[in-house]
Amino acid sequence: MSSFREQRFPRVRVSARAVRQFVGDTLAGWCVSERRDDIRLCASELAANAVLHGAPPGREFSVRLTRERDVLWIEVRDSGPGCPVLRQPGSEAEGGRGLWLVGVLADELEVREEVVGKTVRAGFRSVPA
């Protein structure tokens, strides 16, 4: 059996904080404490990417959490063009660590092009259902 929650957020910088709160509240409601900090951090990084690089001005992005057996998925979908590329940032880089960090912390990371925009999905195993 699976459970999910989804919410839309405006393209503003404070949305990353609102996403962390949404994810934290959802995990608490599902009684999930294992890997909670990693999951919240990754959701925040994906949301920040949607705000900075994804959703066009005036648009929103969506965050969906799905719990399937022993895997919890975070999906962030925006309507912006292009797909992010996972690469390790250079030591002198001032940015570009968000998606790399998600790739390190999550057990799975997928990027899907949609008809409009894209969905970035991170999976965390061993999350009790």
N, C-alpha and C. Protein backbone atom coordinates (compact mmCIF):
# COMPACT_ATOMS: atom_id res chain seq x y z
N MET A 1 0.85 -1.18 0.00
CA MET A 1 0.00 0.00 0.00
C MET A 1 0.89 1.24 0.00
N SER A 2 0.46 2.27 -0.71
CA SER A 2 1.25 3.49 -0.74
C SER A 2 0.41 4.67 -0.26
N SER A 3 1.11 5.68 0.24
CA SER A 3 0.49 6.92 0.68
C SER A 3 1.21 8.06 -0.03
N PHE A 4 0.49 9.16 -0.25
CA PHE A 4 1.17 10.31 -0.84
C PHE A 4 0.53 11.60 -0.36
N ARG A 5 1.33 12.66 -0.44
CA ARG A 5 0.87 14.04 -0.20
C ARG A 5 1.56 14.92 -1.22
N GLU A 6 0.84 15.91 -1.69
CA GLU A 6 1.38 16.81 -2.70
C GLU A 6 0.94 18.23 -2.39
N GLN A 7 1.85 19.17 -2.67
CA GLN A 7 1.53 20.59 -2.45
C GLN A 7 2.26 21.43 -3.49
N ARG A 8 1.65 22.53 -3.88
CA ARG A 8 2.26 23.47 -4.81
C ARG A 8 2.84 24.64 -4.02
N PHE A 9 3.93 25.19 -4.55
CA PHE A 9 4.62 26.30 -3.89
C PHE A 9 4.94 27.37 -4.92
N PRO A 10 4.94 28.65 -4.51
CA PRO A 10 5.29 29.73 -5.44
C PRO A 10 6.79 29.78 -5.69
N ARG A 11 7.15 30.38 -6.80
CA ARG A 11 8.57 30.52 -7.15
C ARG A 11 9.15 31.71 -6.40
N VAL A 12 9.40 31.51 -5.11
CA VAL A 12 10.05 32.52 -4.27
C VAL A 12 11.05 31.80 -3.37
N ARG A 13 12.11 32.50 -2.98
CA ARG A 13 13.18 31.86 -2.21
C ARG A 13 12.72 31.23 -0.91
N VAL A 14 11.74 31.84 -0.24
CA VAL A 14 11.29 31.28 1.04
C VAL A 14 10.53 29.97 0.87
N SER A 15 10.24 29.58 -0.36
CA SER A 15 9.54 28.32 -0.58
C SER A 15 10.37 27.12 -0.12
N ALA A 16 11.69 27.20 -0.19
CA ALA A 16 12.52 26.08 0.27
C ALA A 16 12.24 25.79 1.74
N ARG A 17 12.09 26.84 2.54
CA ARG A 17 11.76 26.67 3.96
C ARG A 17 10.37 26.06 4.12
N ALA A 18 9.42 26.53 3.32
CA ALA A 18 8.05 25.99 3.38
C ALA A 18 8.02 24.53 2.96
N VAL A 19 8.86 24.15 1.99
CA VAL A 19 8.95 22.75 1.58
C VAL A 19 9.50 21.90 2.72
N ARG A 20 10.55 22.37 3.39
CA ARG A 20 11.10 21.63 4.55
C ARG A 20 10.01 21.40 5.59
N GLN A 21 9.22 22.43 5.86
CA GLN A 21 8.13 22.31 6.85
C GLN A 21 7.08 21.30 6.38
N PHE A 22 6.68 21.39 5.12
CA PHE A 22 5.70 20.46 4.55
C PHE A 22 6.19 19.02 4.65
N VAL A 23 7.45 18.81 4.28
CA VAL A 23 8.02 17.46 4.35
C VAL A 23 8.11 16.98 5.79
N GLY A 24 8.60 17.83 6.69
CA GLY A 24 8.69 17.46 8.10
C GLY A 24 7.34 17.11 8.69
N ASP A 25 6.32 17.90 8.38
CA ASP A 25 4.97 17.63 8.88
C ASP A 25 4.43 16.32 8.31
N THR A 26 4.69 16.08 7.03
CA THR A 26 4.23 14.84 6.40
C THR A 26 4.91 13.64 7.03
N LEU A 27 6.23 13.71 7.21
CA LEU A 27 6.95 12.59 7.82
C LEU A 27 6.46 12.33 9.24
N ALA A 28 6.22 13.39 9.99
CA ALA A 28 5.71 13.23 11.36
C ALA A 28 4.33 12.56 11.33
N GLY A 29 3.49 12.98 10.41
CA GLY A 29 2.16 12.38 10.28
C GLY A 29 2.21 10.92 9.90
N TRP A 30 3.24 10.54 9.16
CA TRP A 30 3.42 9.15 8.77
C TRP A 30 4.26 8.37 9.78
N CYS A 31 4.64 9.01 10.87
CA CYS A 31 5.49 8.41 11.92
C CYS A 31 6.82 7.92 11.36
N VAL A 32 7.39 8.69 10.44
CA VAL A 32 8.69 8.37 9.85
C VAL A 32 9.74 9.24 10.53
N SER A 33 10.68 8.62 11.22
CA SER A 33 11.77 9.37 11.83
C SER A 33 13.11 8.99 11.22
N GLU A 34 13.20 7.79 10.67
CA GLU A 34 14.45 7.33 10.06
C GLU A 34 14.79 8.19 8.84
N ARG A 35 15.98 8.72 8.81
CA ARG A 35 16.51 9.52 7.71
C ARG A 35 15.76 10.84 7.51
N ARG A 36 15.03 11.27 8.52
CA ARG A 36 14.20 12.47 8.43
C ARG A 36 15.02 13.70 8.01
N ASP A 37 16.17 13.90 8.62
CA ASP A 37 16.99 15.08 8.29
C ASP A 37 17.49 15.04 6.85
N ASP A 38 17.93 13.86 6.39
CA ASP A 38 18.39 13.72 5.01
C ASP A 38 17.25 14.02 4.03
N ILE A 39 16.08 13.49 4.33
CA ILE A 39 14.93 13.67 3.44
C ILE A 39 14.54 15.14 3.38
N ARG A 40 14.49 15.81 4.51
CA ARG A 40 14.13 17.24 4.54
C ARG A 40 15.18 18.09 3.80
N LEU A 41 16.46 17.78 4.01
CA LEU A 41 17.52 18.52 3.33
C LEU A 41 17.42 18.35 1.82
N CYS A 42 17.22 17.12 1.37
CA CYS A 42 17.12 16.88 -0.07
C CYS A 42 15.90 17.56 -0.68
N ALA A 43 14.78 17.53 0.03
CA ALA A 43 13.59 18.22 -0.46
C ALA A 43 13.86 19.72 -0.59
N SER A 44 14.54 20.28 0.37
CA SER A 44 14.87 21.70 0.36
C SER A 44 15.79 22.04 -0.81
N GLU A 45 16.79 21.20 -1.06
CA GLU A 45 17.72 21.44 -2.17
C GLU A 45 17.00 21.35 -3.52
N LEU A 46 16.12 20.36 -3.66
CA LEU A 46 15.38 20.23 -4.92
C LEU A 46 14.44 21.41 -5.11
N ALA A 47 13.83 21.87 -4.03
CA ALA A 47 12.95 23.04 -4.11
C ALA A 47 13.75 24.29 -4.49
N ALA A 48 14.92 24.45 -3.89
CA ALA A 48 15.77 25.61 -4.23
C ALA A 48 16.14 25.58 -5.70
N ASN A 49 16.44 24.40 -6.24
CA ASN A 49 16.75 24.29 -7.66
C ASN A 49 15.55 24.68 -8.52
N ALA A 50 14.36 24.27 -8.11
CA ALA A 50 13.15 24.63 -8.86
C ALA A 50 12.95 26.14 -8.86
N VAL A 51 13.21 26.77 -7.73
CA VAL A 51 13.06 28.22 -7.62
C VAL A 51 14.12 28.94 -8.45
N LEU A 52 15.36 28.51 -8.34
CA LEU A 52 16.47 29.21 -9.01
C LEU A 52 16.59 28.90 -10.49
N HIS A 53 16.30 27.65 -10.88
CA HIS A 53 16.60 27.23 -12.25
C HIS A 53 15.41 26.68 -13.02
N GLY A 54 14.33 26.37 -12.33
CA GLY A 54 13.26 25.62 -12.99
C GLY A 54 12.02 26.40 -13.34
N ALA A 55 11.23 26.70 -12.35
CA ALA A 55 9.93 27.32 -12.60
C ALA A 55 10.12 28.72 -13.17
N PRO A 56 9.47 29.02 -14.29
CA PRO A 56 9.56 30.38 -14.83
C PRO A 56 8.92 31.39 -13.86
N PRO A 57 9.30 32.66 -13.96
CA PRO A 57 8.71 33.68 -13.08
C PRO A 57 7.18 33.65 -13.14
N GLY A 58 6.56 33.78 -11.97
CA GLY A 58 5.11 33.78 -11.89
C GLY A 58 4.48 32.41 -11.84
N ARG A 59 5.27 31.37 -11.98
CA ARG A 59 4.76 30.01 -11.96
C ARG A 59 5.02 29.37 -10.61
N GLU A 60 4.43 28.21 -10.41
CA GLU A 60 4.64 27.43 -9.19
C GLU A 60 5.38 26.15 -9.53
N PHE A 61 5.80 25.45 -8.50
CA PHE A 61 6.34 24.11 -8.66
C PHE A 61 5.62 23.22 -7.64
N SER A 62 5.66 21.92 -7.86
CA SER A 62 4.97 21.01 -6.94
C SER A 62 5.96 20.07 -6.28
N VAL A 63 5.61 19.69 -5.06
CA VAL A 63 6.39 18.72 -4.29
C VAL A 63 5.44 17.59 -3.91
N ARG A 64 5.85 16.39 -4.20
CA ARG A 64 5.04 15.21 -3.88
C ARG A 64 5.88 14.23 -3.09
N LEU A 65 5.35 13.75 -1.99
CA LEU A 65 5.97 12.69 -1.20
C LEU A 65 5.12 11.45 -1.34
N THR A 66 5.77 10.34 -1.66
CA THR A 66 5.08 9.06 -1.80
C THR A 66 5.81 8.03 -0.97
N ARG A 67 5.06 7.29 -0.19
CA ARG A 67 5.64 6.21 0.62
C ARG A 67 5.14 4.90 0.06
N GLU A 68 6.07 4.08 -0.43
CA GLU A 68 5.76 2.78 -1.01
C GLU A 68 6.62 1.73 -0.31
N ARG A 69 5.99 0.89 0.46
CA ARG A 69 6.69 -0.15 1.22
C ARG A 69 7.86 0.45 1.98
N ASP A 70 9.09 0.11 1.60
CA ASP A 70 10.26 0.58 2.35
C ASP A 70 10.99 1.73 1.64
N VAL A 71 10.31 2.42 0.72
CA VAL A 71 10.93 3.53 -0.01
C VAL A 71 10.04 4.77 0.11
N LEU A 72 10.67 5.89 0.41
CA LEU A 72 9.98 7.17 0.40
C LEU A 72 10.54 7.99 -0.76
N TRP A 73 9.66 8.49 -1.59
CA TRP A 73 10.05 9.27 -2.76
C TRP A 73 9.70 10.74 -2.56
N ILE A 74 10.61 11.61 -2.95
CA ILE A 74 10.35 13.05 -3.05
C ILE A 74 10.39 13.36 -4.54
N GLU A 75 9.36 14.02 -5.03
CA GLU A 75 9.33 14.45 -6.42
C GLU A 75 9.10 15.96 -6.45
N VAL A 76 9.96 16.65 -7.18
CA VAL A 76 9.78 18.08 -7.38
C VAL A 76 9.62 18.30 -8.88
N ARG A 77 8.49 18.87 -9.24
CA ARG A 77 8.18 19.10 -10.65
C ARG A 77 8.03 20.59 -10.91
N ASP A 78 8.69 21.04 -11.98
CA ASP A 78 8.55 22.44 -12.39
C ASP A 78 8.34 22.50 -13.89
N SER A 79 7.93 23.65 -14.37
CA SER A 79 7.61 23.79 -15.79
C SER A 79 8.72 24.47 -16.59
N GLY A 80 9.88 24.60 -15.99
CA GLY A 80 10.99 25.23 -16.68
C GLY A 80 11.63 24.32 -17.71
N PRO A 81 12.36 24.91 -18.65
CA PRO A 81 13.02 24.12 -19.70
C PRO A 81 14.29 23.45 -19.19
N GLY A 82 14.71 22.43 -19.91
CA GLY A 82 15.98 21.77 -19.63
C GLY A 82 15.92 20.84 -18.45
N CYS A 83 16.93 19.97 -18.38
CA CYS A 83 17.04 19.01 -17.29
C CYS A 83 18.38 19.20 -16.59
N PRO A 84 18.38 19.10 -15.27
CA PRO A 84 19.65 19.24 -14.55
C PRO A 84 20.56 18.04 -14.82
N VAL A 85 21.83 18.28 -14.72
CA VAL A 85 22.83 17.23 -14.90
C VAL A 85 23.57 17.05 -13.59
N LEU A 86 23.65 15.82 -13.13
CA LEU A 86 24.35 15.53 -11.87
C LEU A 86 25.85 15.48 -12.13
N ARG A 87 26.58 16.34 -11.45
CA ARG A 87 28.04 16.32 -11.56
C ARG A 87 28.62 16.88 -10.26
N GLN A 88 29.80 16.40 -9.94
CA GLN A 88 30.46 16.87 -8.73
C GLN A 88 31.03 18.25 -8.99
N PRO A 89 30.70 19.22 -8.13
CA PRO A 89 31.20 20.57 -8.34
C PRO A 89 32.69 20.66 -8.01
N GLY A 90 33.36 21.58 -8.65
CA GLY A 90 34.77 21.81 -8.34
C GLY A 90 34.93 22.41 -6.96
N SER A 91 36.11 22.27 -6.40
CA SER A 91 36.35 22.75 -5.03
C SER A 91 36.23 24.27 -4.92
N GLU A 92 36.41 24.99 -6.01
CA GLU A 92 36.31 26.45 -5.99
C GLU A 92 34.92 26.96 -6.37
N ALA A 93 34.03 26.06 -6.75
CA ALA A 93 32.69 26.48 -7.19
C ALA A 93 31.91 27.09 -6.04
N GLU A 94 31.19 28.16 -6.33
CA GLU A 94 30.38 28.82 -5.31
C GLU A 94 28.98 28.23 -5.23
N GLY A 95 28.58 27.46 -6.19
CA GLY A 95 27.25 26.85 -6.21
C GLY A 95 27.33 25.50 -6.90
N GLY A 96 26.18 24.95 -7.21
CA GLY A 96 26.15 23.70 -7.96
C GLY A 96 26.27 22.46 -7.11
N ARG A 97 26.06 22.58 -5.81
CA ARG A 97 26.21 21.41 -4.94
C ARG A 97 24.88 20.76 -4.57
N GLY A 98 23.76 21.44 -4.84
CA GLY A 98 22.46 20.94 -4.39
C GLY A 98 22.11 19.58 -4.95
N LEU A 99 22.09 19.44 -6.27
CA LEU A 99 21.74 18.16 -6.88
C LEU A 99 22.79 17.11 -6.56
N TRP A 100 24.05 17.51 -6.52
CA TRP A 100 25.12 16.57 -6.15
C TRP A 100 24.88 16.04 -4.73
N LEU A 101 24.53 16.91 -3.80
CA LEU A 101 24.26 16.51 -2.43
C LEU A 101 23.07 15.55 -2.36
N VAL A 102 22.02 15.84 -3.12
CA VAL A 102 20.87 14.93 -3.16
C VAL A 102 21.31 13.56 -3.67
N GLY A 103 22.15 13.55 -4.70
CA GLY A 103 22.66 12.28 -5.24
C GLY A 103 23.47 11.49 -4.24
N VAL A 104 24.17 12.18 -3.34
CA VAL A 104 24.96 11.52 -2.31
C VAL A 104 24.06 10.97 -1.20
N LEU A 105 23.07 11.73 -0.77
CA LEU A 105 22.23 11.34 0.36
C LEU A 105 21.12 10.36 0.00
N ALA A 106 20.55 10.50 -1.18
CA ALA A 106 19.43 9.63 -1.59
C ALA A 106 19.97 8.30 -2.11
N ASP A 107 19.14 7.28 -2.03
CA ASP A 107 19.50 5.97 -2.56
C ASP A 107 19.27 5.89 -4.07
N GLU A 108 18.34 6.69 -4.55
CA GLU A 108 18.06 6.74 -5.99
C GLU A 108 17.79 8.18 -6.38
N LEU A 109 18.18 8.53 -7.58
CA LEU A 109 17.93 9.88 -8.10
C LEU A 109 17.59 9.75 -9.58
N GLU A 110 16.45 10.30 -9.95
CA GLU A 110 15.99 10.23 -11.33
C GLU A 110 15.58 11.62 -11.80
N VAL A 111 15.80 11.88 -13.08
CA VAL A 111 15.33 13.12 -13.70
C VAL A 111 14.53 12.71 -14.93
N ARG A 112 13.28 13.17 -14.97
CA ARG A 112 12.41 12.85 -16.10
C ARG A 112 11.98 14.13 -16.80
N GLU A 113 12.16 14.14 -18.12
CA GLU A 113 11.60 15.25 -18.91
C GLU A 113 10.12 14.99 -19.07
N GLU A 114 9.32 16.03 -18.89
CA GLU A 114 7.88 15.94 -19.07
C GLU A 114 7.51 16.69 -20.35
N VAL A 115 6.27 16.61 -20.77
CA VAL A 115 5.83 17.36 -21.95
C VAL A 115 6.16 18.84 -21.74
N VAL A 116 5.89 19.33 -20.53
CA VAL A 116 6.30 20.68 -20.13
C VAL A 116 7.10 20.54 -18.85
N GLY A 117 8.34 20.94 -18.87
CA GLY A 117 9.17 20.91 -17.66
C GLY A 117 9.80 19.56 -17.38
N LYS A 118 10.03 19.33 -16.08
CA LYS A 118 10.71 18.10 -15.67
C LYS A 118 10.32 17.76 -14.24
N THR A 119 10.62 16.51 -13.87
CA THR A 119 10.44 16.03 -12.50
C THR A 119 11.77 15.46 -12.04
N VAL A 120 12.21 15.90 -10.87
CA VAL A 120 13.40 15.33 -10.24
C VAL A 120 12.90 14.54 -9.05
N ARG A 121 13.32 13.27 -8.96
CA ARG A 121 12.78 12.33 -7.98
C ARG A 121 13.93 11.69 -7.22
N ALA A 122 13.84 11.73 -5.89
CA ALA A 122 14.86 11.12 -5.02
C ALA A 122 14.18 10.07 -4.14
N GLY A 123 14.80 8.90 -4.04
CA GLY A 123 14.24 7.81 -3.25
C GLY A 123 15.12 7.47 -2.06
N PHE A 124 14.46 7.18 -0.95
CA PHE A 124 15.14 6.83 0.31
C PHE A 124 14.63 5.48 0.77
N ARG A 125 15.52 4.50 0.82
CA ARG A 125 15.13 3.14 1.22
C ARG A 125 15.12 2.98 2.73
N SER A 126 14.49 1.91 3.16
CA SER A 126 14.41 1.54 4.58
C SER A 126 13.60 2.52 5.40
N VAL A 127 12.65 3.17 4.77
CA VAL A 127 11.72 4.03 5.49
C VAL A 127 10.48 3.20 5.76
N PRO A 128 10.20 2.89 7.03
CA PRO A 128 9.07 2.01 7.33
C PRO A 128 7.75 2.59 6.85
N ALA A 129 6.91 1.69 6.34
CA ALA A 129 5.59 2.12 5.84
C ALA A 129 4.52 1.92 6.90
